[in-house]
Amino acid sequence: MTRKYWFSAKPPERGWGWGPPFTWQGWLVFIAFFVLLIGGAIFIMPFGAHYFVAYTFAMAALLVLICARKGEPPGPFPSGKR
């Protein structure tokens, strides 16, 4: 069975990580991330900026976790040599 990836790996010359989504599931995760960030700004920010910063870090970590599990394996970290 072939595994269907939701996110593409970035080319090595563009850094480490994932690029745009391949599938509708990937686009759904990507759009939900931004909608939840905007919702957090509206509903969490009034309680204090530090809560929103913590929320943003948690959302970003969740997005990276989803990309790591459902995306193409990224290449090695760039060495910095050009």
C-alpha atoms as a PDB file:
ATOM      1  CA  MET A   1       0.000   0.000   0.000  1.00  0.00           C
ATOM      2  CA  THR A   2       1.378   3.384  -1.016  1.00  0.00           C
ATOM      3  CA  ARG A   3       1.300   6.093   1.617  1.00  0.00           C
ATOM      4  CA  LYS A   4      -0.419   9.293   0.504  1.00  0.00           C
ATOM      5  CA  TYR A   5       1.336  12.362   1.860  1.00  0.00           C
ATOM      6  CA  TRP A   6      -0.613  15.499   2.754  1.00  0.00           C
ATOM      7  CA  PHE A   7       2.359  17.909   2.589  1.00  0.00           C
ATOM      8  CA  SER A   8       5.321  18.115   0.235  1.00  0.00           C
ATOM      9  CA  ALA A   9       8.891  18.275   1.514  1.00  0.00           C
ATOM     10  CA  LYS A  10      10.770  21.477   0.730  1.00  0.00           C
ATOM     11  CA  PRO A  11      13.609  21.203  -1.777  1.00  0.00           C
ATOM     12  CA  PRO A  12      17.008  21.058  -0.009  1.00  0.00           C
ATOM     13  CA  GLU A  13      18.071  24.479  -1.321  1.00  0.00           C
ATOM     14  CA  ARG A  14      14.999  26.065   0.309  1.00  0.00           C
ATOM     15  CA  GLY A  15      15.668  24.810   3.838  1.00  0.00           C
ATOM     16  CA  TRP A  16      14.260  22.064   6.002  1.00  0.00           C
ATOM     17  CA  GLY A  17      10.553  21.368   6.477  1.00  0.00           C
ATOM     18  CA  TRP A  18       7.408  21.107   4.423  1.00  0.00           C
ATOM     19  CA  GLY A  19       5.887  23.073   1.607  1.00  0.00           C
ATOM     20  CA  PRO A  20       2.353  23.489   0.382  1.00  0.00           C
ATOM     21  CA  PRO A  21      -0.245  20.754   0.892  1.00  0.00           C
ATOM     22  CA  PHE A  22      -0.811  18.042  -1.733  1.00  0.00           C
ATOM     23  CA  THR A  23      -4.295  16.936  -0.718  1.00  0.00           C
ATOM     24  CA  TRP A  24      -7.569  18.369   0.498  1.00  0.00           C
ATOM     25  CA  GLN A  25      -6.779  17.033   3.971  1.00  0.00           C
ATOM     26  CA  GLY A  26      -3.560  19.043   4.022  1.00  0.00           C
ATOM     27  CA  TRP A  27      -5.385  22.166   2.858  1.00  0.00           C
ATOM     28  CA  LEU A  28      -7.998  21.626   5.566  1.00  0.00           C
ATOM     29  CA  VAL A  29      -5.294  21.456   8.256  1.00  0.00           C
ATOM     30  CA  PHE A  30      -3.545  24.524   6.807  1.00  0.00           C
ATOM     31  CA  ILE A  31      -6.739  26.611   6.669  1.00  0.00           C
ATOM     32  CA  ALA A  32      -7.869  25.421  10.121  1.00  0.00           C
ATOM     33  CA  PHE A  33      -4.503  26.519  11.549  1.00  0.00           C
ATOM     34  CA  PHE A  34      -5.006  30.081  10.326  1.00  0.00           C
ATOM     35  CA  VAL A  35      -8.672  30.202  11.325  1.00  0.00           C
ATOM     36  CA  LEU A  36      -7.756  29.025  14.839  1.00  0.00           C
ATOM     37  CA  LEU A  37      -4.978  31.624  15.046  1.00  0.00           C
ATOM     38  CA  ILE A  38      -7.398  34.397  14.102  1.00  0.00           C
ATOM     39  CA  GLY A  39      -9.971  33.030  16.556  1.00  0.00           C
ATOM     40  CA  GLY A  40      -7.292  32.932  19.251  1.00  0.00           C
ATOM     41  CA  ALA A  41      -6.415  36.554  18.548  1.00  0.00           C
ATOM     42  CA  ILE A  42     -10.055  37.521  18.947  1.00  0.00           C
ATOM     43  CA  PHE A  43     -10.948  35.419  21.997  1.00  0.00           C
ATOM     44  CA  ILE A  44      -7.658  34.881  23.868  1.00  0.00           C
ATOM     45  CA  MET A  45      -5.838  38.181  23.332  1.00  0.00           C
ATOM     46  CA  PRO A  46      -8.187  40.147  25.657  1.00  0.00           C
ATOM     47  CA  PHE A  47      -6.935  38.013  28.575  1.00  0.00           C
ATOM     48  CA  GLY A  48      -3.315  38.973  27.891  1.00  0.00           C
ATOM     49  CA  ALA A  49      -0.730  38.793  25.157  1.00  0.00           C
ATOM     50  CA  HIS A  50       1.244  36.119  27.012  1.00  0.00           C
ATOM     51  CA  TYR A  51      -1.727  33.735  26.758  1.00  0.00           C
ATOM     52  CA  PHE A  52      -1.953  34.348  23.028  1.00  0.00           C
ATOM     53  CA  VAL A  53       1.791  33.773  22.582  1.00  0.00           C
ATOM     54  CA  ALA A  54       1.506  30.446  24.438  1.00  0.00           C
ATOM     55  CA  TYR A  55      -1.526  29.525  22.322  1.00  0.00           C
ATOM     56  CA  THR A  56       0.348  30.406  19.128  1.00  0.00           C
ATOM     57  CA  PHE A  57       3.340  28.263  20.130  1.00  0.00           C
ATOM     58  CA  ALA A  58       1.018  25.346  20.918  1.00  0.00           C
ATOM     59  CA  MET A  59      -0.772  25.713  17.566  1.00  0.00           C
ATOM     60  CA  ALA A  60       2.537  25.886  15.684  1.00  0.00           C
ATOM     61  CA  ALA A  61       3.820  22.778  17.490  1.00  0.00           C
ATOM     62  CA  LEU A  62       0.620  20.939  16.584  1.00  0.00           C
ATOM     63  CA  LEU A  63       1.002  21.966  12.926  1.00  0.00           C
ATOM     64  CA  VAL A  64       4.620  20.754  12.850  1.00  0.00           C
ATOM     65  CA  LEU A  65       3.559  17.460  14.465  1.00  0.00           C
ATOM     66  CA  ILE A  66       0.840  16.938  11.834  1.00  0.00           C
ATOM     67  CA  CYS A  67       3.280  17.810   9.034  1.00  0.00           C
ATOM     68  CA  ALA A  68       5.853  15.376  10.458  1.00  0.00           C
ATOM     69  CA  ARG A  69       3.319  12.532  10.609  1.00  0.00           C
ATOM     70  CA  LYS A  70       1.432  13.210   7.366  1.00  0.00           C
ATOM     71  CA  GLY A  71       4.052  14.909   5.195  1.00  0.00           C
ATOM     72  CA  GLU A  72       6.866  13.644   3.015  1.00  0.00           C
ATOM     73  CA  PRO A  73      10.041  12.957   4.971  1.00  0.00           C
ATOM     74  CA  PRO A  74      12.118  16.142   4.812  1.00  0.00           C
ATOM     75  CA  GLY A  75      15.722  15.932   3.726  1.00  0.00           C
ATOM     76  CA  PRO A  76      18.687  16.498   6.017  1.00  0.00           C
ATOM     77  CA  PHE A  77      19.234  19.869   7.652  1.00  0.00           C
ATOM     78  CA  PRO A  78      21.027  22.261   5.293  1.00  0.00           C
ATOM     79  CA  SER A  79      24.739  22.524   6.045  1.00  0.00           C
ATOM     80  CA  GLY A  80      24.955  26.255   5.381  1.00  0.00           C
ATOM     81  CA  LYS A  81      27.568  25.778   2.659  1.00  0.00           C
ATOM     82  CA  ARG A  82      26.907  27.462  -0.652  1.00  0.00           C
END
